[in-house]
Amino acid sequence: MGKISEYPVAAAPILSDKLVGTKIGGNPVDSTFNFTIAELLALISSNLTAASFTISGVTEYADNAAAITGGLNVGQVYRTGDLLKIVH
């Protein structure tokens, strides 16, 4: 098997592309298998809940213009009081 650094890079992966992983436990024990990016995404999204997130250190700004003036870029988060907002 070659080194990972020697494999070509896929510039834009798609959901049907395959990844390689190790099945922990199972039969046979710790076997190597493949799965698609779509299958991984389905696993993650079915196990992701709002309770699994912690957002801290978000700077408070009066509004979007103040956040931009404060140095934030489009897509970054800030808060106004108790409201979490995204710079647009």
PDB file of N, CA and C in Angstrom:
ATOM      1  N   MET A   1       0.852  -1.173   0.000  1.00  0.00           N
ATOM      2  CA  MET A   1       0.000   0.000   0.000  1.00  0.00           C
ATOM      3  C   MET A   1       0.894   1.231   0.000  1.00  0.00           C
ATOM      4  N   GLY A   2       0.537   2.225  -0.833  1.00  0.00           N
ATOM      5  CA  GLY A   2       1.327   3.444  -0.943  1.00  0.00           C
ATOM      6  C   GLY A   2       1.080   4.411   0.202  1.00  0.00           C
ATOM      7  N   LYS A   3       1.891   5.446   0.254  1.00  0.00           N
ATOM      8  CA  LYS A   3       1.722   6.486   1.255  1.00  0.00           C
ATOM      9  C   LYS A   3       0.552   7.370   0.861  1.00  0.00           C
ATOM     10  N   ILE A   4      -0.212   7.821   1.842  1.00  0.00           N
ATOM     11  CA  ILE A   4      -1.363   8.678   1.569  1.00  0.00           C
ATOM     12  C   ILE A   4      -0.928   9.930   0.823  1.00  0.00           C
ATOM     13  N   SER A   5       0.235  10.479   1.167  1.00  0.00           N
ATOM     14  CA  SER A   5       0.700  11.705   0.529  1.00  0.00           C
ATOM     15  C   SER A   5       0.989  11.513  -0.956  1.00  0.00           C
ATOM     16  N   GLU A   6       1.085  10.269  -1.417  1.00  0.00           N
ATOM     17  CA  GLU A   6       1.377   9.997  -2.819  1.00  0.00           C
ATOM     18  C   GLU A   6       0.125   9.788  -3.669  1.00  0.00           C
ATOM     19  N   TYR A   7      -1.052   9.713  -3.030  1.00  0.00           N
ATOM     20  CA  TYR A   7      -2.298   9.553  -3.769  1.00  0.00           C
ATOM     21  C   TYR A   7      -2.714  10.906  -4.349  1.00  0.00           C
ATOM     22  N   PRO A   8      -3.411  10.906  -5.492  1.00  0.00           N
ATOM     23  CA  PRO A   8      -3.871  12.181  -6.045  1.00  0.00           C
ATOM     24  C   PRO A   8      -4.918  12.823  -5.138  1.00  0.00           C
ATOM     25  N   VAL A   9      -5.000  14.146  -5.183  1.00  0.00           N
ATOM     26  CA  VAL A   9      -5.958  14.901  -4.385  1.00  0.00           C
ATOM     27  C   VAL A   9      -7.203  15.155  -5.228  1.00  0.00           C
ATOM     28  N   ALA A  10      -8.362  14.844  -4.664  1.00  0.00           N
ATOM     29  CA  ALA A  10      -9.631  15.143  -5.341  1.00  0.00           C
ATOM     30  C   ALA A  10      -9.976  16.595  -5.041  1.00  0.00           C
ATOM     31  N   ALA A  11      -9.983  17.426  -6.065  1.00  0.00           N
ATOM     32  CA  ALA A  11     -10.205  18.861  -5.879  1.00  0.00           C
ATOM     33  C   ALA A  11     -11.572  19.154  -5.267  1.00  0.00           C
ATOM     34  N   ALA A  12     -12.586  18.432  -5.682  1.00  0.00           N
ATOM     35  CA  ALA A  12     -13.933  18.672  -5.165  1.00  0.00           C
ATOM     36  C   ALA A  12     -14.605  17.333  -4.888  1.00  0.00           C
ATOM     37  N   PRO A  13     -14.453  16.819  -3.667  1.00  0.00           N
ATOM     38  CA  PRO A  13     -15.086  15.535  -3.349  1.00  0.00           C
ATOM     39  C   PRO A  13     -16.601  15.613  -3.544  1.00  0.00           C
ATOM     40  N   ILE A  14     -17.208  14.479  -3.908  1.00  0.00           N
ATOM     41  CA  ILE A  14     -18.659  14.402  -4.054  1.00  0.00           C
ATOM     42  C   ILE A  14     -19.197  13.346  -3.092  1.00  0.00           C
ATOM     43  N   LEU A  15     -20.488  13.370  -2.841  1.00  0.00           N
ATOM     44  CA  LEU A  15     -21.093  12.504  -1.832  1.00  0.00           C
ATOM     45  C   LEU A  15     -20.912  11.019  -2.108  1.00  0.00           C
ATOM     46  N   SER A  16     -20.727  10.636  -3.365  1.00  0.00           N
ATOM     47  CA  SER A  16     -20.564   9.212  -3.676  1.00  0.00           C
ATOM     48  C   SER A  16     -19.106   8.746  -3.592  1.00  0.00           C
ATOM     49  N   ASP A  17     -18.166   9.673  -3.322  1.00  0.00           N
ATOM     50  CA  ASP A  17     -16.769   9.272  -3.141  1.00  0.00           C
ATOM     51  C   ASP A  17     -16.656   8.387  -1.912  1.00  0.00           C
ATOM     52  N   LYS A  18     -15.669   7.499  -1.927  1.00  0.00           N
ATOM     53  CA  LYS A  18     -15.507   6.562  -0.822  1.00  0.00           C
ATOM     54  C   LYS A  18     -14.325   6.927   0.062  1.00  0.00           C
ATOM     55  N   LEU A  19     -14.472   6.609   1.344  1.00  0.00           N
ATOM     56  CA  LEU A  19     -13.434   6.773   2.351  1.00  0.00           C
ATOM     57  C   LEU A  19     -13.111   5.396   2.918  1.00  0.00           C
ATOM     58  N   VAL A  20     -11.991   5.278   3.578  1.00  0.00           N
ATOM     59  CA  VAL A  20     -11.586   4.004   4.176  1.00  0.00           C
ATOM     60  C   VAL A  20     -11.576   4.171   5.693  1.00  0.00           C
ATOM     61  N   GLY A  21     -12.082   3.161   6.385  1.00  0.00           N
ATOM     62  CA  GLY A  21     -12.117   3.217   7.843  1.00  0.00           C
ATOM     63  C   GLY A  21     -11.867   1.854   8.456  1.00  0.00           C
ATOM     64  N   THR A  22     -11.844   1.829   9.777  1.00  0.00           N
ATOM     65  CA  THR A  22     -11.656   0.592  10.530  1.00  0.00           C
ATOM     66  C   THR A  22     -12.885   0.350  11.389  1.00  0.00           C
ATOM     67  N   LYS A  23     -13.476  -0.811  11.257  1.00  0.00           N
ATOM     68  CA  LYS A  23     -14.638  -1.198  12.059  1.00  0.00           C
ATOM     69  C   LYS A  23     -14.121  -1.696  13.407  1.00  0.00           C
ATOM     70  N   ILE A  24     -14.359  -0.925  14.461  1.00  0.00           N
ATOM     71  CA  ILE A  24     -13.879  -1.302  15.794  1.00  0.00           C
ATOM     72  C   ILE A  24     -14.754  -2.431  16.321  1.00  0.00           C
ATOM     73  N   GLY A  25     -14.116  -3.473  16.771  1.00  0.00           N
ATOM     74  CA  GLY A  25     -14.855  -4.656  17.204  1.00  0.00           C
ATOM     75  C   GLY A  25     -15.371  -5.384  15.975  1.00  0.00           C
ATOM     76  N   GLY A  26     -16.566  -5.905  16.031  1.00  0.00           N
ATOM     77  CA  GLY A  26     -17.169  -6.565  14.881  1.00  0.00           C
ATOM     78  C   GLY A  26     -16.528  -7.898  14.554  1.00  0.00           C
ATOM     79  N   ASN A  27     -16.926  -8.445  13.418  1.00  0.00           N
ATOM     80  CA  ASN A  27     -16.397  -9.732  12.990  1.00  0.00           C
ATOM     81  C   ASN A  27     -16.091  -9.655  11.502  1.00  0.00           C
ATOM     82  N   PRO A  28     -14.846  -9.741  11.075  1.00  0.00           N
ATOM     83  CA  PRO A  28     -13.647  -9.918  11.897  1.00  0.00           C
ATOM     84  C   PRO A  28     -13.314  -8.646  12.676  1.00  0.00           C
ATOM     85  N   VAL A  29     -12.609  -8.810  13.765  1.00  0.00           N
ATOM     86  CA  VAL A  29     -12.269  -7.705  14.662  1.00  0.00           C
ATOM     87  C   VAL A  29     -11.405  -6.679  13.940  1.00  0.00           C
ATOM     88  N   ASP A  30     -11.743  -5.403  14.111  1.00  0.00           N
ATOM     89  CA  ASP A  30     -10.981  -4.267  13.578  1.00  0.00           C
ATOM     90  C   ASP A  30     -10.698  -4.384  12.083  1.00  0.00           C
ATOM     91  N   SER A  31     -11.691  -4.765  11.322  1.00  0.00           N
ATOM     92  CA  SER A  31     -11.510  -4.922   9.880  1.00  0.00           C
ATOM     93  C   SER A  31     -11.578  -3.569   9.165  1.00  0.00           C
ATOM     94  N   THR A  32     -10.884  -3.500   8.038  1.00  0.00           N
ATOM     95  CA  THR A  32     -10.904  -2.298   7.203  1.00  0.00           C
ATOM     96  C   THR A  32     -12.088  -2.385   6.256  1.00  0.00           C
ATOM     97  N   PHE A  33     -12.773  -1.273   6.057  1.00  0.00           N
ATOM     98  CA  PHE A  33     -13.926  -1.249   5.153  1.00  0.00           C
ATOM     99  C   PHE A  33     -13.999   0.113   4.489  1.00  0.00           C
ATOM    100  N   ASN A  34     -14.892   0.271   3.518  1.00  0.00           N
ATOM    101  CA  ASN A  34     -15.074   1.578   2.885  1.00  0.00           C
ATOM    102  C   ASN A  34     -16.511   2.034   3.063  1.00  0.00           C
ATOM    103  N   PHE A  35     -16.693   3.354   2.990  1.00  0.00           N
ATOM    104  CA  PHE A  35     -18.013   3.958   3.100  1.00  0.00           C
ATOM    105  C   PHE A  35     -17.993   5.248   2.301  1.00  0.00           C
ATOM    106  N   THR A  36     -19.168   5.720   1.924  1.00  0.00           N
ATOM    107  CA  THR A  36     -19.232   6.943   1.127  1.00  0.00           C
ATOM    108  C   THR A  36     -19.307   8.170   2.034  1.00  0.00           C
ATOM    109  N   ILE A  37     -19.002   9.309   1.458  1.00  0.00           N
ATOM    110  CA  ILE A  37     -19.131  10.568   2.188  1.00  0.00           C
ATOM    111  C   ILE A  37     -20.590  10.768   2.587  1.00  0.00           C
ATOM    112  N   ALA A  38     -21.532  10.382   1.726  1.00  0.00           N
ATOM    113  CA  ALA A  38     -22.957  10.504   2.039  1.00  0.00           C
ATOM    114  C   ALA A  38     -23.325   9.664   3.259  1.00  0.00           C
ATOM    115  N   GLU A  39     -22.771   8.464   3.366  1.00  0.00           N
ATOM    116  CA  GLU A  39     -23.047   7.608   4.529  1.00  0.00           C
ATOM    117  C   GLU A  39     -22.480   8.234   5.804  1.00  0.00           C
ATOM    118  N   LEU A  40     -21.300   8.827   5.713  1.00  0.00           N
ATOM    119  CA  LEU A  40     -20.702   9.495   6.866  1.00  0.00           C
ATOM    120  C   LEU A  40     -21.544  10.700   7.270  1.00  0.00           C
ATOM    121  N   LEU A  41     -21.992  11.474   6.306  1.00  0.00           N
ATOM    122  CA  LEU A  41     -22.835  12.633   6.583  1.00  0.00           C
ATOM    123  C   LEU A  41     -24.138  12.217   7.264  1.00  0.00           C
ATOM    124  N   ALA A  42     -24.746  11.128   6.797  1.00  0.00           N
ATOM    125  CA  ALA A  42     -25.986  10.630   7.415  1.00  0.00           C
ATOM    126  C   ALA A  42     -25.737  10.209   8.862  1.00  0.00           C
ATOM    127  N   LEU A  43     -24.614   9.565   9.127  1.00  0.00           N
ATOM    128  CA  LEU A  43     -24.267   9.155  10.496  1.00  0.00           C
ATOM    129  C   LEU A  43     -24.103  10.367  11.394  1.00  0.00           C
ATOM    130  N   ILE A  44     -23.373  11.355  10.915  1.00  0.00           N
ATOM    131  CA  ILE A  44     -23.131  12.554  11.716  1.00  0.00           C
ATOM    132  C   ILE A  44     -24.428  13.305  11.969  1.00  0.00           C
ATOM    133  N   SER A  45     -25.215  13.538  10.927  1.00  0.00           N
ATOM    134  CA  SER A  45     -26.436  14.329  11.101  1.00  0.00           C
ATOM    135  C   SER A  45     -27.465  13.621  11.966  1.00  0.00           C
ATOM    136  N   SER A  46     -27.486  12.292  11.971  1.00  0.00           N
ATOM    137  CA  SER A  46     -28.450  11.586  12.818  1.00  0.00           C
ATOM    138  C   SER A  46     -28.023  11.568  14.285  1.00  0.00           C
ATOM    139  N   ASN A  47     -26.764  11.909  14.559  1.00  0.00           N
ATOM    140  CA  ASN A  47     -26.272  11.914  15.933  1.00  0.00           C
ATOM    141  C   ASN A  47     -25.946  13.309  16.453  1.00  0.00           C
ATOM    142  N   LEU A  48     -26.220  14.324  15.650  1.00  0.00           N
ATOM    143  CA  LEU A  48     -25.904  15.694  16.011  1.00  0.00           C
ATOM    144  C   LEU A  48     -27.136  16.362  16.591  1.00  0.00           C
ATOM    145  N   THR A  49     -27.019  16.889  17.775  1.00  0.00           N
ATOM    146  CA  THR A  49     -28.140  17.572  18.412  1.00  0.00           C
ATOM    147  C   THR A  49     -27.682  18.940  18.908  1.00  0.00           C
ATOM    148  N   ALA A  50     -28.632  19.834  19.129  1.00  0.00           N
ATOM    149  CA  ALA A  50     -28.307  21.161  19.642  1.00  0.00           C
ATOM    150  C   ALA A  50     -27.610  21.060  20.995  1.00  0.00           C
ATOM    151  N   ALA A  51     -27.922  20.027  21.757  1.00  0.00           N
ATOM    152  CA  ALA A  51     -27.311  19.862  23.079  1.00  0.00           C
ATOM    153  C   ALA A  51     -25.823  19.537  22.991  1.00  0.00           C
ATOM    154  N   SER A  52     -25.353  19.126  21.803  1.00  0.00           N
ATOM    155  CA  SER A  52     -23.940  18.771  21.676  1.00  0.00           C
ATOM    156  C   SER A  52     -23.056  19.969  21.352  1.00  0.00           C
ATOM    157  N   PHE A  53     -23.651  21.156  21.218  1.00  0.00           N
ATOM    158  CA  PHE A  53     -22.895  22.361  20.895  1.00  0.00           C
ATOM    159  C   PHE A  53     -22.692  23.248  22.113  1.00  0.00           C
ATOM    160  N   THR A  54     -21.520  23.836  22.213  1.00  0.00           N
ATOM    161  CA  THR A  54     -21.264  24.887  23.182  1.00  0.00           C
ATOM    162  C   THR A  54     -20.646  26.038  22.418  1.00  0.00           C
ATOM    163  N   ILE A  55     -21.272  27.190  22.491  1.00  0.00           N
ATOM    164  CA  ILE A  55     -20.753  28.369  21.811  1.00  0.00           C
ATOM    165  C   ILE A  55     -20.334  29.351  22.895  1.00  0.00           C
ATOM    166  N   SER A  56     -19.061  29.709  22.906  1.00  0.00           N
ATOM    167  CA  SER A  56     -18.577  30.651  23.915  1.00  0.00           C
ATOM    168  C   SER A  56     -17.643  31.662  23.260  1.00  0.00           C
ATOM    169  N   GLY A  57     -17.409  32.735  23.949  1.00  0.00           N
ATOM    170  CA  GLY A  57     -16.478  33.745  23.465  1.00  0.00           C
ATOM    171  C   GLY A  57     -16.984  34.532  22.278  1.00  0.00           C
ATOM    172  N   VAL A  58     -18.324  34.627  22.101  1.00  0.00           N
ATOM    173  CA  VAL A  58     -18.890  35.370  20.982  1.00  0.00           C
ATOM    174  C   VAL A  58     -19.004  36.835  21.395  1.00  0.00           C
ATOM    175  N   THR A  59     -18.377  37.716  20.630  1.00  0.00           N
ATOM    176  CA  THR A  59     -18.366  39.137  20.935  1.00  0.00           C
ATOM    177  C   THR A  59     -19.722  39.763  20.677  1.00  0.00           C
ATOM    178  N   GLU A  60     -20.086  40.735  21.516  1.00  0.00           N
ATOM    179  CA  GLU A  60     -21.366  41.418  21.371  1.00  0.00           C
ATOM    180  C   GLU A  60     -21.188  42.710  20.581  1.00  0.00           C
ATOM    181  N   TYR A  61     -22.078  42.924  19.607  1.00  0.00           N
ATOM    182  CA  TYR A  61     -22.116  44.149  18.816  1.00  0.00           C
ATOM    183  C   TYR A  61     -23.555  44.628  18.752  1.00  0.00           C
ATOM    184  N   ALA A  62     -23.755  45.924  18.536  1.00  0.00           N
ATOM    185  CA  ALA A  62     -25.098  46.497  18.473  1.00  0.00           C
ATOM    186  C   ALA A  62     -25.867  46.000  17.267  1.00  0.00           C
ATOM    187  N   ASP A  63     -25.163  45.830  16.137  1.00  0.00           N
ATOM    188  CA  ASP A  63     -25.832  45.403  14.907  1.00  0.00           C
ATOM    189  C   ASP A  63     -24.787  44.910  13.905  1.00  0.00           C
ATOM    190  N   ASN A  64     -25.241  44.548  12.704  1.00  0.00           N
ATOM    191  CA  ASN A  64     -24.369  44.010  11.666  1.00  0.00           C
ATOM    192  C   ASN A  64     -23.266  44.998  11.292  1.00  0.00           C
ATOM    193  N   ALA A  65     -23.625  46.273  11.138  1.00  0.00           N
ATOM    194  CA  ALA A  65     -22.634  47.295  10.761  1.00  0.00           C
ATOM    195  C   ALA A  65     -21.545  47.414  11.821  1.00  0.00           C
ATOM    196  N   ALA A  66     -21.933  47.364  13.087  1.00  0.00           N
ATOM    197  CA  ALA A  66     -20.950  47.455  14.177  1.00  0.00           C
ATOM    198  C   ALA A  66     -20.039  46.231  14.184  1.00  0.00           C
ATOM    199  N   ALA A  67     -20.578  45.071  13.862  1.00  0.00           N
ATOM    200  CA  ALA A  67     -19.767  43.856  13.807  1.00  0.00           C
ATOM    201  C   ALA A  67     -18.725  43.955  12.697  1.00  0.00           C
ATOM    202  N   ILE A  68     -19.131  44.479  11.548  1.00  0.00           N
ATOM    203  CA  ILE A  68     -18.194  44.656  10.427  1.00  0.00           C
ATOM    204  C   ILE A  68     -17.129  45.675  10.797  1.00  0.00           C
ATOM    205  N   THR A  69     -17.548  46.799  11.390  1.00  0.00           N
ATOM    206  CA  THR A  69     -16.596  47.822  11.836  1.00  0.00           C
ATOM    207  C   THR A  69     -15.639  47.242  12.873  1.00  0.00           C
ATOM    208  N   GLY A  70     -16.147  46.311  13.686  1.00  0.00           N
ATOM    209  CA  GLY A  70     -15.329  45.665  14.707  1.00  0.00           C
ATOM    210  C   GLY A  70     -14.370  44.625  14.159  1.00  0.00           C
ATOM    211  N   GLY A  71     -14.415  44.373  12.836  1.00  0.00           N
ATOM    212  CA  GLY A  71     -13.450  43.475  12.212  1.00  0.00           C
ATOM    213  C   GLY A  71     -13.981  42.112  11.801  1.00  0.00           C
ATOM    214  N   LEU A  72     -15.277  41.857  12.005  1.00  0.00           N
ATOM    215  CA  LEU A  72     -15.816  40.557  11.599  1.00  0.00           C
ATOM    216  C   LEU A  72     -16.084  40.540  10.095  1.00  0.00           C
ATOM    217  N   ASN A  73     -16.039  39.365   9.514  1.00  0.00           N
ATOM    218  CA  ASN A  73     -16.282  39.165   8.089  1.00  0.00           C
ATOM    219  C   ASN A  73     -17.601  38.427   7.883  1.00  0.00           C
ATOM    220  N   VAL A  74     -18.118  38.486   6.665  1.00  0.00           N
ATOM    221  CA  VAL A  74     -19.360  37.791   6.318  1.00  0.00           C
ATOM    222  C   VAL A  74     -19.239  36.318   6.714  1.00  0.00           C
ATOM    223  N   GLY A  75     -20.265  35.819   7.393  1.00  0.00           N
ATOM    224  CA  GLY A  75     -20.296  34.427   7.820  1.00  0.00           C
ATOM    225  C   GLY A  75     -19.852  34.209   9.262  1.00  0.00           C
ATOM    226  N   GLN A  76     -19.192  35.193   9.860  1.00  0.00           N
ATOM    227  CA  GLN A  76     -18.778  35.051  11.256  1.00  0.00           C
ATOM    228  C   GLN A  76     -19.944  35.379  12.183  1.00  0.00           C
ATOM    229  N   VAL A  77     -19.896  34.868  13.399  1.00  0.00           N
ATOM    230  CA  VAL A  77     -20.997  35.073  14.339  1.00  0.00           C
ATOM    231  C   VAL A  77     -20.667  36.153  15.363  1.00  0.00           C
ATOM    232  N   TYR A  78     -21.729  36.814  15.808  1.00  0.00           N
ATOM    233  CA  TYR A  78     -21.660  37.786  16.894  1.00  0.00           C
ATOM    234  C   TYR A  78     -22.983  37.713  17.629  1.00  0.00           C
ATOM    235  N   ARG A  79     -23.104  38.446  18.707  1.00  0.00           N
ATOM    236  CA  ARG A  79     -24.381  38.449  19.415  1.00  0.00           C
ATOM    237  C   ARG A  79     -24.808  39.870  19.713  1.00  0.00           C
ATOM    238  N   THR A  80     -26.106  40.031  19.836  1.00  0.00           N
ATOM    239  CA  THR A  80     -26.725  41.263  20.290  1.00  0.00           C
ATOM    240  C   THR A  80     -27.604  40.852  21.456  1.00  0.00           C
ATOM    241  N   GLY A  81     -27.124  41.105  22.650  1.00  0.00           N
ATOM    242  CA  GLY A  81     -27.837  40.612  23.832  1.00  0.00           C
ATOM    243  C   GLY A  81     -27.848  39.092  23.812  1.00  0.00           C
ATOM    244  N   ASP A  82     -29.041  38.520  23.889  1.00  0.00           N
ATOM    245  CA  ASP A  82     -29.184  37.060  23.900  1.00  0.00           C
ATOM    246  C   ASP A  82     -29.331  36.457  22.508  1.00  0.00           C
ATOM    247  N   LEU A  83     -29.306  37.291  21.450  1.00  0.00           N
ATOM    248  CA  LEU A  83     -29.516  36.791  20.096  1.00  0.00           C
ATOM    249  C   LEU A  83     -28.190  36.527  19.393  1.00  0.00           C
ATOM    250  N   LEU A  84     -28.018  35.318  18.878  1.00  0.00           N
ATOM    251  CA  LEU A  84     -26.844  34.953  18.112  1.00  0.00           C
ATOM    252  C   LEU A  84     -27.105  35.329  16.663  1.00  0.00           C
ATOM    253  N   LYS A  85     -26.152  36.048  16.046  1.00  0.00           N
ATOM    254  CA  LYS A  85     -26.356  36.543  14.675  1.00  0.00           C
ATOM    255  C   LYS A  85     -25.160  36.217  13.818  1.00  0.00           C
ATOM    256  N   ILE A  86     -25.363  36.264  12.505  1.00  0.00           N
ATOM    257  CA  ILE A  86     -24.308  35.993  11.529  1.00  0.00           C
ATOM    258  C   ILE A  86     -24.105  37.247  10.681  1.00  0.00           C
ATOM    259  N   VAL A  87     -22.847  37.640  10.531  1.00  0.00           N
ATOM    260  CA  VAL A  87     -22.542  38.814   9.708  1.00  0.00           C
ATOM    261  C   VAL A  87     -22.947  38.542   8.265  1.00  0.00           C
ATOM    262  N   HIS A  88     -23.634  39.530   7.665  1.00  0.00           N
ATOM    263  CA  HIS A  88     -24.078  39.396   6.265  1.00  0.00           C
ATOM    264  C   HIS A  88     -23.660  40.591   5.447  1.00  0.00           C
TER     265      HIS A  88
END
